[in-house]
Amino acid sequence: MLKWFGRRAHQAKPNEATPAFLQAREVVSIVAELDSLKGLTVVTDALAALTNRPLLLSDRFDEIHVLDAAGQRRLFELIKEYLATPRHRKSRESELWGGAYRYLQELYLAYLFCLQRYEEDPLGATRFKQTLPIAISRALRALRLQLKWALLRYTTPERRIWTEMAGLYTFALDNAVAEHEVPLYPGRPITVRQEFVKGLMVAACSNDTLRPPELDLATRLVDHYAKYFVVAEEPFEGATHWFNMRDPRPPVRNSVVPHEHARVLYIGAGSALEELKAVEAHFVYAGAMPADLVYYDNQDNQTMLAVIKHMAQDWAGKTQARRDERKKHTSRATVVPGLTEIFRSLDFAVNDSLDFTDQPAVESWIVEDTSVGGYGAVIPAVAGDWVEVGSLIGIEGTSIREWRIGVIRRVNRLEGNRQRVGVQLLGSGAALVTLVQKVFSPDASAAADVPAKAEPAVLITRDPEMQAQVEVIARSGMFTHLNYAEMSLGDKVFGLKPTRIVERNARGDRVAFQVVEVV
């Protein structure tokens, strides 16, 4: 059955040289001197060149094993770079993403080729048979990581991923190796069944609400807790999704009834949900994550905690419902990205200007549905180099000339490199204000007259003179210590006492204040 799957590991284009074959040990020595992307490219080319090399099946597997180990290290370094900056140059982002994805494709095809060879002549591959569940598990892992990288880019995963996952799992069942515990990699025992359900559980999470670093952590949690997941042919308590082995597509929620002819596998988190709750309790008690859940140097514990809460909600089968009903209403809206461009646009609005010619960041979006609390929009491909979950935007409708501040909460990529986004509107308005922090003096009960820089900010509360509480979007980190502030709006000055940080990210902080006085 596997002979129908996959593609050639490397198909040379016209006038393109086929990658030269190198022994895996040679590749390892070359890669040691290169950066993550160049090193991964060398490993990828070596995997591609290996396909047409006449080797015994066991020797082929040994070569792939060495190349796989070298590639893993480079892939880990590459994803750290990919996630380190919320916005790359488009060319660099494409290089990083394309380098990782092509490597994972070639790695999958290398293991698949071994499995196809084994299927053709199982009696002639007795030594390889001992590693058969390892090869299947690693092929499934390569597919799962392709799924992950597609989600990191907010693009729809290729349909073939589901077809090939289903085929590999069926192949493991037919060969009675699905339950064999084997060392997937040194120190990491796994079964084919567990590796198969990892991919399904990654897809079963509401990934389009997570920023790329959060999504990366979510997939690592899935990997970590795989042994607790449950997959069964019959519904069970705690099952949240099902997967049709006869028509493989992303897992479907249990609220949808499967077709009567479907060959369904039901999946759920099992006792992994209790494990997540235990981690949350540990964090509350110890103020730190367990050592086995620390994946990066300087990992943000608060981010991990937020991801754990998100995953616990998903694994419990609970989804975040929209607070406001959305209505179909197609219109255009003017959008600017980030605080700097928002400041400029609000300054223009004060002067009642419609001239956006000197604002290259301004874009026109198609709004398809609206609600009291937000928009659903389809955006052009030019926006794809900066749009991600958590991005702050300024948005102004064509029918109502009023600026509002929004934050992107969901992203899905469509055909033609278009993206559908869900935007939550923050506050009830948007006005450009000036903030000056007031620092307490240790020798005085009032704020000290310490010179402070006036900085622009956005007031998102209407009629501040009539309010006891207001909210402001300020530069990220400006109110780390929640200092008192004065806010200037027109000819009015407001004394503000900060009460809490409502939301914080690398793009700007949403801060709540109590209005102390108005002058």
Protein backbone atom coordinates (compact mmCIF):
# COMPACT_ATOMS: atom_id res chain seq x y z
CA MET A 1 0.00 0.00 0.00
CA LEU A 2 2.87 2.42 0.72
CA LYS A 3 4.00 2.32 -2.90
CA TRP A 4 1.17 4.72 -3.69
CA PHE A 5 2.41 7.34 -1.22
CA GLY A 6 4.96 10.10 -1.44
CA ARG A 7 6.97 11.65 -4.23
CA ARG A 8 10.51 11.33 -5.45
CA ALA A 9 12.88 12.56 -2.73
CA HIS A 10 14.52 14.92 -5.17
CA GLN A 11 13.39 15.61 -8.72
CA ALA A 12 15.90 17.79 -10.50
CA LYS A 13 14.56 20.72 -12.48
CA PRO A 14 15.87 21.39 -16.00
CA ASN A 15 19.49 22.53 -15.87
CA GLU A 16 19.62 21.74 -12.14
CA ALA A 17 22.35 19.43 -10.90
CA THR A 18 21.30 16.51 -8.72
CA PRO A 19 22.81 16.86 -5.23
CA ALA A 20 26.09 14.96 -4.95
CA PHE A 21 26.08 11.92 -2.70
CA LEU A 22 28.13 12.22 0.49
CA GLN A 23 28.59 9.74 3.27
CA ALA A 24 26.63 10.79 6.35
CA ARG A 25 29.81 11.15 8.41
CA GLU A 26 31.21 13.55 5.81
CA VAL A 27 28.02 15.60 6.00
CA VAL A 28 28.26 15.83 9.79
CA SER A 29 31.80 17.25 9.59
CA ILE A 30 30.74 19.81 6.97
CA VAL A 31 27.62 20.89 8.87
CA ALA A 32 29.63 21.52 12.05
CA GLU A 33 31.19 24.60 10.40
CA LEU A 34 27.94 26.12 9.08
CA ASP A 35 25.08 28.15 10.53
CA SER A 36 21.70 26.53 11.14
CA LEU A 37 20.12 27.29 7.75
CA LYS A 38 23.13 26.43 5.60
CA GLY A 39 23.81 23.32 7.67
CA LEU A 40 20.22 22.16 7.35
CA THR A 41 20.39 22.71 3.59
CA VAL A 42 23.47 20.47 3.37
CA VAL A 43 21.64 17.74 5.33
CA THR A 44 18.57 18.14 3.11
CA ASP A 45 20.63 17.75 -0.07
CA ALA A 46 22.34 14.68 1.39
CA LEU A 47 18.94 13.09 2.10
CA ALA A 48 17.80 13.85 -1.43
CA ALA A 49 20.98 12.38 -2.96
CA LEU A 50 20.60 9.24 -0.87
CA THR A 51 17.36 8.21 -2.58
CA ASN A 52 18.90 6.90 -5.79
CA ARG A 53 21.99 5.45 -4.13
CA PRO A 54 22.11 1.63 -4.31
CA LEU A 55 22.44 0.53 -0.67
CA LEU A 56 21.30 -2.35 1.45
CA LEU A 57 18.15 -1.35 3.30
CA SER A 58 19.78 -1.61 6.74
CA ASP A 59 22.75 0.48 5.55
CA ARG A 60 20.37 3.06 4.08
CA PHE A 61 18.56 3.35 7.40
CA ASP A 62 21.90 3.80 9.21
CA GLU A 63 22.85 6.67 6.87
CA ILE A 64 19.46 8.36 7.35
CA HIS A 65 19.79 7.92 11.12
CA VAL A 66 23.07 9.89 11.18
CA LEU A 67 21.70 12.61 8.87
CA ASP A 68 18.52 12.83 10.96
CA ALA A 69 20.54 13.45 14.13
CA ALA A 70 22.56 16.21 12.43
CA GLY A 71 19.41 17.79 11.03
CA GLN A 72 17.58 17.78 14.37
CA ARG A 73 20.18 20.01 15.99
CA ARG A 74 20.11 22.48 13.09
CA LEU A 75 16.30 22.48 13.01
CA PHE A 76 16.18 23.35 16.71
CA GLU A 77 18.58 26.27 16.16
CA LEU A 78 16.59 27.42 13.13
CA ILE A 79 13.24 27.47 14.91
CA LYS A 80 14.74 29.55 17.71
CA GLU A 81 15.74 32.15 15.12
CA TYR A 82 12.36 31.90 13.40
CA LEU A 83 10.53 32.57 16.67
CA ALA A 84 12.96 35.13 18.10
CA THR A 85 11.58 38.11 16.17
CA PRO A 86 7.87 38.83 15.69
CA ARG A 87 8.64 40.29 12.27
CA HIS A 88 11.34 39.15 9.86
CA ARG A 89 12.12 40.56 6.45
CA LYS A 90 9.89 38.61 4.09
CA SER A 91 12.87 37.12 2.25
CA ARG A 92 14.49 35.89 5.49
CA GLU A 93 11.24 34.45 6.80
CA SER A 94 10.80 32.55 3.52
CA GLU A 95 14.38 31.24 3.70
CA LEU A 96 13.95 29.97 7.26
CA TRP A 97 10.51 28.48 6.72
CA GLY A 98 11.37 26.99 3.34
CA GLY A 99 14.63 25.51 4.65
CA ALA A 100 12.87 23.80 7.54
CA TYR A 101 9.94 22.55 5.48
CA ARG A 102 12.06 21.14 2.65
CA TYR A 103 14.27 19.32 5.16
CA LEU A 104 11.23 17.73 6.81
CA GLN A 105 9.85 16.69 3.43
CA GLU A 106 13.11 15.01 2.42
CA LEU A 107 13.47 13.36 5.83
CA TYR A 108 9.96 11.93 5.54
CA LEU A 109 10.60 10.70 2.00
CA ALA A 110 13.88 9.07 3.06
CA TYR A 111 12.12 7.00 5.73
CA LEU A 112 9.18 6.31 3.44
CA PHE A 113 11.55 4.97 0.78
CA CYS A 114 12.90 2.49 3.34
CA LEU A 115 9.39 1.37 4.21
CA GLN A 116 8.44 0.98 0.56
CA ARG A 117 11.55 -1.13 -0.04
CA TYR A 118 10.68 -3.29 2.96
CA GLU A 119 7.10 -3.75 1.76
CA GLU A 120 8.38 -4.96 -1.61
CA ASP A 121 10.69 -7.60 -0.08
CA PRO A 122 10.18 -8.15 3.67
CA LEU A 123 12.02 -11.48 3.64
CA GLY A 124 15.11 -9.85 2.17
CA ALA A 125 15.28 -7.17 4.88
CA THR A 126 15.43 -9.16 8.09
CA ARG A 127 17.87 -6.78 9.86
CA PHE A 128 15.79 -3.75 8.94
CA LYS A 129 12.66 -5.42 10.35
CA GLN A 130 14.00 -4.79 13.85
CA THR A 131 13.92 -1.05 13.16
CA LEU A 132 10.60 -1.06 11.28
CA PRO A 133 8.55 0.64 14.08
CA ILE A 134 11.34 3.22 14.50
CA ALA A 135 11.24 4.09 10.79
CA ILE A 136 7.43 4.37 10.83
CA SER A 137 7.51 6.56 13.96
CA ARG A 138 10.16 8.85 12.50
CA ALA A 139 8.23 9.18 9.25
CA LEU A 140 5.14 10.14 11.25
CA ARG A 141 7.21 12.62 13.25
CA ALA A 142 8.47 14.28 10.05
CA LEU A 143 4.85 14.66 8.90
CA ARG A 144 3.85 16.07 12.29
CA LEU A 145 6.62 18.66 12.10
CA GLN A 146 5.51 19.61 8.58
CA LEU A 147 2.08 20.19 10.11
CA LYS A 148 3.64 22.30 12.84
CA TRP A 149 5.60 24.48 10.40
CA ALA A 150 2.48 25.00 8.28
CA LEU A 151 0.61 26.16 11.39
CA LEU A 152 3.49 28.46 12.40
CA ARG A 153 2.95 30.25 9.11
CA TYR A 154 -0.86 30.20 9.50
CA THR A 155 -1.22 28.28 6.26
CA THR A 156 -3.52 25.32 5.62
CA PRO A 157 -1.57 22.06 6.00
CA GLU A 158 -1.27 19.99 2.83
CA ARG A 159 -4.02 17.41 2.46
CA ARG A 160 -1.43 14.70 1.75
CA ILE A 161 -0.19 14.94 5.36
CA TRP A 162 -3.41 13.37 6.64
CA THR A 163 -3.49 10.75 3.90
CA GLU A 164 0.09 9.71 4.58
CA MET A 165 -0.37 9.67 8.36
CA ALA A 166 -3.37 7.37 7.96
CA GLY A 167 -1.45 5.14 5.54
CA LEU A 168 1.57 4.83 7.82
CA TYR A 169 -0.56 3.95 10.82
CA THR A 170 -2.47 1.35 8.81
CA PHE A 171 0.86 -0.08 7.64
CA ALA A 172 2.00 -0.36 11.27
CA LEU A 173 -1.25 -2.13 12.24
CA ASP A 174 -0.94 -4.54 9.32
CA ASN A 175 2.62 -5.38 10.39
CA ALA A 176 1.63 -5.70 14.06
CA VAL A 177 4.15 -3.08 15.26
CA ALA A 178 1.83 -0.22 16.27
CA GLU A 179 2.18 -0.99 19.98
CA HIS A 180 5.90 -1.86 20.07
CA GLU A 181 7.75 0.57 22.35
CA VAL A 182 10.99 1.58 20.66
CA PRO A 183 13.59 4.33 21.15
CA LEU A 184 12.41 6.96 18.67
CA TYR A 185 15.64 8.79 19.48
CA PRO A 186 18.10 8.08 22.31
CA GLY A 187 16.29 8.37 25.63
CA ARG A 188 12.84 8.82 24.07
CA PRO A 189 10.76 5.62 24.05
CA ILE A 190 7.64 5.80 21.90
CA THR A 191 5.12 3.62 20.08
CA VAL A 192 3.85 4.15 16.55
CA ARG A 193 0.39 4.60 18.03
CA GLN A 194 1.58 7.42 20.29
CA GLU A 195 3.46 9.16 17.49
CA PHE A 196 0.39 8.90 15.25
CA VAL A 197 -1.94 10.45 17.83
CA LYS A 198 0.51 13.34 18.43
CA GLY A 199 -0.17 14.69 14.94
CA LEU A 200 -3.91 14.42 15.47
CA MET A 201 -3.73 16.17 18.85
CA VAL A 202 -1.65 19.02 17.40
CA ALA A 203 -4.33 19.59 14.78
CA ALA A 204 -7.15 19.23 17.33
CA CYS A 205 -5.97 22.31 19.25
CA SER A 206 -7.35 25.76 18.39
CA ASN A 207 -4.00 26.82 16.92
CA ASP A 208 -5.23 29.88 15.05
CA THR A 209 -5.55 31.79 18.33
CA LEU A 210 -1.90 31.29 19.30
CA ARG A 211 1.14 33.40 18.42
CA PRO A 212 4.01 31.44 16.81
CA PRO A 213 6.06 31.11 20.06
CA GLU A 214 2.94 29.92 21.88
CA LEU A 215 2.10 27.47 19.12
CA ASP A 216 5.64 26.09 19.30
CA LEU A 217 5.24 25.50 23.04
CA ALA A 218 1.82 23.92 22.48
CA THR A 219 3.28 21.38 20.04
CA ARG A 220 6.07 20.59 22.51
CA LEU A 221 3.47 19.95 25.21
CA VAL A 222 1.67 17.56 22.87
CA ASP A 223 4.97 15.77 22.30
CA HIS A 224 5.66 15.65 26.04
CA TYR A 225 2.30 14.19 27.10
CA ALA A 226 1.76 11.75 24.20
CA LYS A 227 1.84 8.67 26.41
CA TYR A 228 -1.35 9.82 28.15
CA PHE A 229 -3.42 10.37 24.99
CA VAL A 230 -6.17 7.94 24.05
CA VAL A 231 -7.14 6.77 20.55
CA ALA A 232 -9.92 4.21 20.14
CA GLU A 233 -12.34 2.83 17.56
CA GLU A 234 -15.33 3.53 19.82
CA PRO A 235 -16.37 6.77 21.57
CA PHE A 236 -15.12 7.12 25.13
CA GLU A 237 -15.48 9.60 27.96
CA GLY A 238 -13.07 12.44 27.33
CA ALA A 239 -12.91 11.96 23.56
CA THR A 240 -13.08 15.40 21.94
CA HIS A 241 -12.42 14.66 18.23
CA TRP A 242 -12.59 11.91 15.62
CA PHE A 243 -10.49 11.11 12.56
CA ASN A 244 -11.73 9.30 9.45
CA MET A 245 -9.13 6.80 8.26
CA ARG A 246 -11.03 6.26 4.97
CA ASP A 247 -11.17 9.97 4.11
CA PRO A 248 -8.26 11.52 6.03
CA ARG A 249 -8.74 15.17 6.92
CA PRO A 250 -8.00 17.25 10.03
CA PRO A 251 -9.65 15.85 13.19
CA VAL A 252 -13.30 16.82 13.62
CA ARG A 253 -14.99 17.81 16.87
CA ASN A 254 -17.38 15.30 18.39
CA SER A 255 -20.24 17.75 17.95
CA VAL A 256 -20.19 16.66 14.29
CA VAL A 257 -21.52 13.14 13.69
CA PRO A 258 -19.29 11.03 11.41
CA HIS A 259 -20.66 9.50 8.20
CA GLU A 260 -22.03 5.98 8.67
CA HIS A 261 -19.41 4.50 6.28
CA ALA A 262 -16.47 6.28 7.90
CA ARG A 263 -13.74 4.28 9.61
CA VAL A 264 -13.46 6.46 12.67
CA LEU A 265 -10.81 6.73 15.34
CA TYR A 266 -11.77 8.76 18.41
CA ILE A 267 -9.08 10.74 20.21
CA GLY A 268 -8.78 12.52 23.54
CA ALA A 269 -6.21 13.83 25.98
CA GLY A 270 -6.85 11.11 28.56
CA SER A 271 -5.00 11.72 31.82
CA ALA A 272 -2.81 14.37 30.14
CA LEU A 273 -5.46 16.89 31.20
CA GLU A 274 -4.81 16.07 34.86
CA GLU A 275 -1.07 16.33 34.23
CA LEU A 276 -1.53 19.88 32.91
CA LYS A 277 -3.56 20.84 35.97
CA ALA A 278 -0.78 19.44 38.17
CA VAL A 279 1.78 21.58 36.35
CA GLU A 280 -0.35 24.68 36.88
CA ALA A 281 -0.60 23.87 40.60
CA HIS A 282 3.17 23.31 40.74
CA PHE A 283 3.77 26.71 39.19
CA VAL A 284 1.48 28.42 41.70
CA TYR A 285 3.35 26.73 44.55
CA ALA A 286 6.96 26.90 43.29
CA GLY A 287 6.82 29.94 40.98
CA ALA A 288 8.59 28.01 38.21
CA MET A 289 7.92 25.39 35.57
CA PRO A 290 9.06 21.79 36.12
CA ALA A 291 12.53 21.29 34.68
CA ASP A 292 11.30 18.88 31.99
CA LEU A 293 9.04 21.59 30.55
CA VAL A 294 11.79 24.17 30.07
CA TYR A 295 12.67 24.01 26.38
CA TYR A 296 14.65 27.22 25.86
CA ASP A 297 17.07 29.42 27.74
CA ASN A 298 15.20 32.37 29.28
CA GLN A 299 11.85 30.74 28.58
CA ASP A 300 8.97 32.99 29.67
CA ASN A 301 7.09 31.14 32.42
CA GLN A 302 4.02 33.34 32.04
CA THR A 303 3.80 32.49 28.35
CA MET A 304 4.10 28.80 29.13
CA LEU A 305 1.42 29.10 31.80
CA ALA A 306 -0.92 30.82 29.33
CA VAL A 307 -0.32 28.03 26.80
CA ILE A 308 -0.97 25.36 29.44
CA LYS A 309 -4.31 27.00 30.31
CA HIS A 310 -5.16 27.21 26.61
CA MET A 311 -4.30 23.54 26.09
CA ALA A 312 -6.25 22.46 29.16
CA GLN A 313 -9.32 24.19 27.76
CA ASP A 314 -8.87 22.51 24.37
CA TRP A 315 -8.22 19.08 25.87
CA ALA A 316 -11.31 19.41 28.04
CA GLY A 317 -13.35 19.95 24.87
CA LYS A 318 -14.23 23.54 25.70
CA THR A 319 -13.96 26.23 23.03
CA GLN A 320 -13.85 29.97 23.37
CA ALA A 321 -17.14 31.33 22.13
CA ARG A 322 -17.38 34.82 20.67
CA ARG A 323 -18.98 37.23 23.06
CA ASP A 324 -20.83 39.06 20.28
CA GLU A 325 -22.76 37.70 17.32
CA ARG A 326 -21.16 38.44 13.96
CA LYS A 327 -23.18 39.56 10.94
CA LYS A 328 -22.26 39.28 7.28
CA HIS A 329 -21.38 42.76 6.07
CA THR A 330 -18.83 43.26 3.29
CA SER A 331 -16.99 46.57 3.24
CA ARG A 332 -13.52 48.04 3.00
CA ALA A 333 -11.47 49.32 5.90
CA THR A 334 -8.23 51.27 6.15
CA VAL A 335 -5.69 49.48 8.33
CA VAL A 336 -2.28 50.46 9.71
CA PRO A 337 0.05 48.08 11.59
CA GLY A 338 1.71 48.77 14.92
CA LEU A 339 1.79 51.63 17.39
CA THR A 340 4.06 53.94 15.40
CA GLU A 341 1.74 53.92 12.38
CA ILE A 342 -1.30 54.19 14.66
CA PHE A 343 0.16 57.34 16.23
CA ARG A 344 0.72 58.85 12.77
CA SER A 345 -2.76 58.00 11.58
CA LEU A 346 -4.47 59.41 14.66
CA ASP A 347 -2.40 62.57 14.24
CA PHE A 348 -3.68 62.77 10.67
CA ALA A 349 -7.22 62.24 11.93
CA VAL A 350 -6.91 65.24 14.29
CA ASN A 351 -6.21 67.34 11.22
CA ASP A 352 -9.10 65.65 9.34
CA SER A 353 -6.69 64.47 6.66
CA LEU A 354 -7.53 61.80 4.09
CA ASP A 355 -4.11 61.87 2.44
CA PHE A 356 -2.40 58.54 3.08
CA THR A 357 0.12 58.86 0.25
CA ASP A 358 3.07 59.37 2.61
CA GLN A 359 2.08 56.39 4.75
CA PRO A 360 3.38 53.32 2.89
CA ALA A 361 2.22 50.97 5.65
CA VAL A 362 -1.48 51.75 5.10
CA GLU A 363 -3.47 48.87 3.62
CA SER A 364 -6.99 48.30 2.38
CA TRP A 365 -8.73 45.25 3.83
CA ILE A 366 -11.99 43.55 2.86
CA VAL A 367 -14.20 43.24 5.94
CA GLU A 368 -16.64 40.34 5.56
CA ASP A 369 -18.43 40.32 8.91
CA THR A 370 -18.75 42.64 11.86
CA SER A 371 -19.92 42.62 15.45
CA VAL A 372 -19.93 45.02 18.36
CA GLY A 373 -16.57 43.60 19.40
CA GLY A 374 -14.68 43.05 16.17
CA TYR A 375 -14.25 42.26 12.50
CA GLY A 376 -13.61 39.30 10.25
CA ALA A 377 -11.56 40.30 7.22
CA VAL A 378 -9.74 38.94 4.18
CA ILE A 379 -6.42 40.69 3.66
CA PRO A 380 -4.18 40.98 0.60
CA ALA A 381 -0.96 39.03 0.22
CA VAL A 382 1.20 42.11 0.83
CA ALA A 383 0.15 42.04 4.46
CA GLY A 384 1.49 38.55 5.02
CA ASP A 385 4.95 39.67 6.15
CA TRP A 386 3.72 41.16 9.43
CA VAL A 387 0.27 39.83 10.26
CA GLU A 388 0.17 37.37 13.14
CA VAL A 389 -1.88 36.67 16.24
CA GLY A 390 -1.32 39.50 18.73
CA SER A 391 -0.55 42.25 16.19
CA LEU A 392 -1.94 45.68 17.09
CA ILE A 393 -3.68 47.57 14.30
CA GLY A 394 -5.47 50.84 13.73
CA ILE A 395 -8.64 50.42 11.67
CA GLU A 396 -11.01 52.95 10.10
CA GLY A 397 -14.16 52.06 8.18
CA THR A 398 -15.15 53.79 4.96
CA SER A 399 -18.78 54.34 5.96
CA ILE A 400 -17.97 55.59 9.46
CA ARG A 401 -14.80 57.72 9.59
CA GLU A 402 -13.73 56.74 13.06
CA TRP A 403 -10.44 55.14 14.08
CA ARG A 404 -10.46 52.18 16.44
CA ILE A 405 -7.66 50.05 17.87
CA GLY A 406 -7.77 46.32 17.29
CA VAL A 407 -5.70 43.24 18.01
CA ILE A 408 -5.52 40.25 15.68
CA ARG A 409 -6.83 37.19 17.54
CA ARG A 410 -7.13 34.62 14.75
CA VAL A 411 -5.32 34.02 11.45
CA ASN A 412 -6.10 31.49 8.69
CA ARG A 413 -4.36 31.43 5.30
CA LEU A 414 -6.48 30.90 2.19
CA GLU A 415 -5.63 30.02 -1.40
CA GLY A 416 -3.64 32.62 -3.33
CA ASN A 417 -1.73 33.65 -0.18
CA ARG A 418 -4.71 35.56 1.16
CA GLN A 419 -5.40 35.46 4.87
CA ARG A 420 -8.62 35.55 6.85
CA VAL A 421 -8.18 37.30 10.18
CA GLY A 422 -10.33 37.87 13.23
CA VAL A 423 -9.87 41.28 14.84
CA GLN A 424 -11.01 42.17 18.35
CA LEU A 425 -11.66 45.87 18.90
CA LEU A 426 -10.18 47.30 22.09
CA GLY A 427 -12.09 49.84 24.16
CA SER A 428 -14.75 52.17 22.79
CA GLY A 429 -12.73 54.71 20.82
CA ALA A 430 -9.26 55.90 19.89
CA ALA A 431 -7.71 59.27 20.68
CA LEU A 432 -4.06 60.33 20.52
CA VAL A 433 -2.84 61.50 23.95
CA THR A 434 0.44 62.36 25.64
CA LEU A 435 1.57 60.52 28.77
CA VAL A 436 4.15 61.67 31.32
CA GLN A 437 5.08 59.24 34.07
CA LYS A 438 5.31 60.53 37.64
CA VAL A 439 7.87 58.71 39.79
CA PHE A 440 7.35 58.52 43.56
CA SER A 441 9.98 60.11 45.74
CA PRO A 442 10.95 58.03 48.81
CA ASP A 443 10.84 61.22 50.92
CA ALA A 444 7.47 62.49 49.83
CA SER A 445 3.89 61.27 49.76
CA ALA A 446 3.23 62.82 46.38
CA ALA A 447 4.92 62.29 43.03
CA ALA A 448 8.38 63.80 42.79
CA ASP A 449 9.20 66.44 40.23
CA VAL A 450 11.49 64.16 38.31
CA PRO A 451 11.91 65.17 34.65
CA ALA A 452 10.11 62.62 32.51
CA LYS A 453 9.78 62.26 28.78
CA ALA A 454 6.34 62.85 27.30
CA GLU A 455 5.35 59.92 25.10
CA PRO A 456 2.44 59.40 22.73
CA ALA A 457 -0.21 56.85 23.62
CA VAL A 458 -3.75 55.94 22.59
CA LEU A 459 -6.73 56.48 24.87
CA ILE A 460 -9.34 53.80 24.09
CA THR A 461 -12.03 55.04 26.51
CA ARG A 462 -14.62 57.59 25.36
CA ASP A 463 -15.42 60.70 27.38
CA PRO A 464 -12.64 60.31 29.97
CA GLU A 465 -13.95 63.29 31.97
CA MET A 466 -17.07 61.29 32.74
CA GLN A 467 -15.25 58.07 33.67
CA ALA A 468 -13.73 56.79 36.91
CA GLN A 469 -11.58 54.31 34.95
CA VAL A 470 -9.85 54.64 31.57
CA GLU A 471 -7.65 52.40 29.44
CA VAL A 472 -4.62 53.41 27.38
CA ILE A 473 -2.40 51.63 24.83
CA ALA A 474 1.19 52.65 25.57
CA ARG A 475 4.67 51.71 24.42
CA SER A 476 5.61 48.22 25.57
CA GLY A 477 7.32 48.29 28.97
CA MET A 478 6.51 51.93 29.69
CA PHE A 479 4.58 51.01 32.82
CA THR A 480 6.65 48.10 34.08
CA HIS A 481 6.49 49.52 37.61
CA LEU A 482 2.97 50.98 37.28
CA ASN A 483 4.06 54.56 37.98
CA TYR A 484 1.56 57.38 38.28
CA ALA A 485 1.03 59.41 35.10
CA GLU A 486 -0.41 62.60 33.68
CA MET A 487 -2.35 62.37 30.44
CA SER A 488 -2.89 65.34 28.13
CA LEU A 489 -5.88 65.31 25.80
CA GLY A 490 -6.60 68.60 24.07
CA ASP A 491 -6.60 71.29 26.75
CA LYS A 492 -7.29 68.85 29.56
CA VAL A 493 -4.76 67.14 31.86
CA PHE A 494 -5.76 63.98 33.70
CA GLY A 495 -4.02 62.64 36.81
CA LEU A 496 -3.99 58.85 36.53
CA LYS A 497 -3.33 56.09 39.04
CA PRO A 498 -2.50 52.78 37.28
CA THR A 499 -4.48 49.78 38.54
CA ARG A 500 -3.33 46.90 36.31
CA ILE A 501 -1.78 45.79 33.03
CA VAL A 502 -4.75 44.41 31.08
CA GLU A 503 -2.62 42.90 28.31
CA ARG A 504 1.08 42.98 27.53
CA ASN A 505 3.09 41.91 24.51
CA ALA A 506 6.04 43.04 22.41
CA ARG A 507 3.89 45.47 20.43
CA GLY A 508 2.29 47.56 23.15
CA ASP A 509 0.74 47.43 26.61
CA ARG A 510 -2.89 47.96 27.46
CA VAL A 511 -3.00 49.66 30.85
CA ALA A 512 -6.01 50.45 33.08
CA PHE A 513 -5.98 53.66 35.18
CA GLN A 514 -8.12 55.25 37.83
CA VAL A 515 -8.82 58.91 37.06
CA VAL A 516 -7.61 60.83 40.12
CA GLU A 517 -8.15 64.40 38.93
CA VAL A 518 -8.95 66.45 35.85
CA VAL A 519 -7.39 69.88 35.35
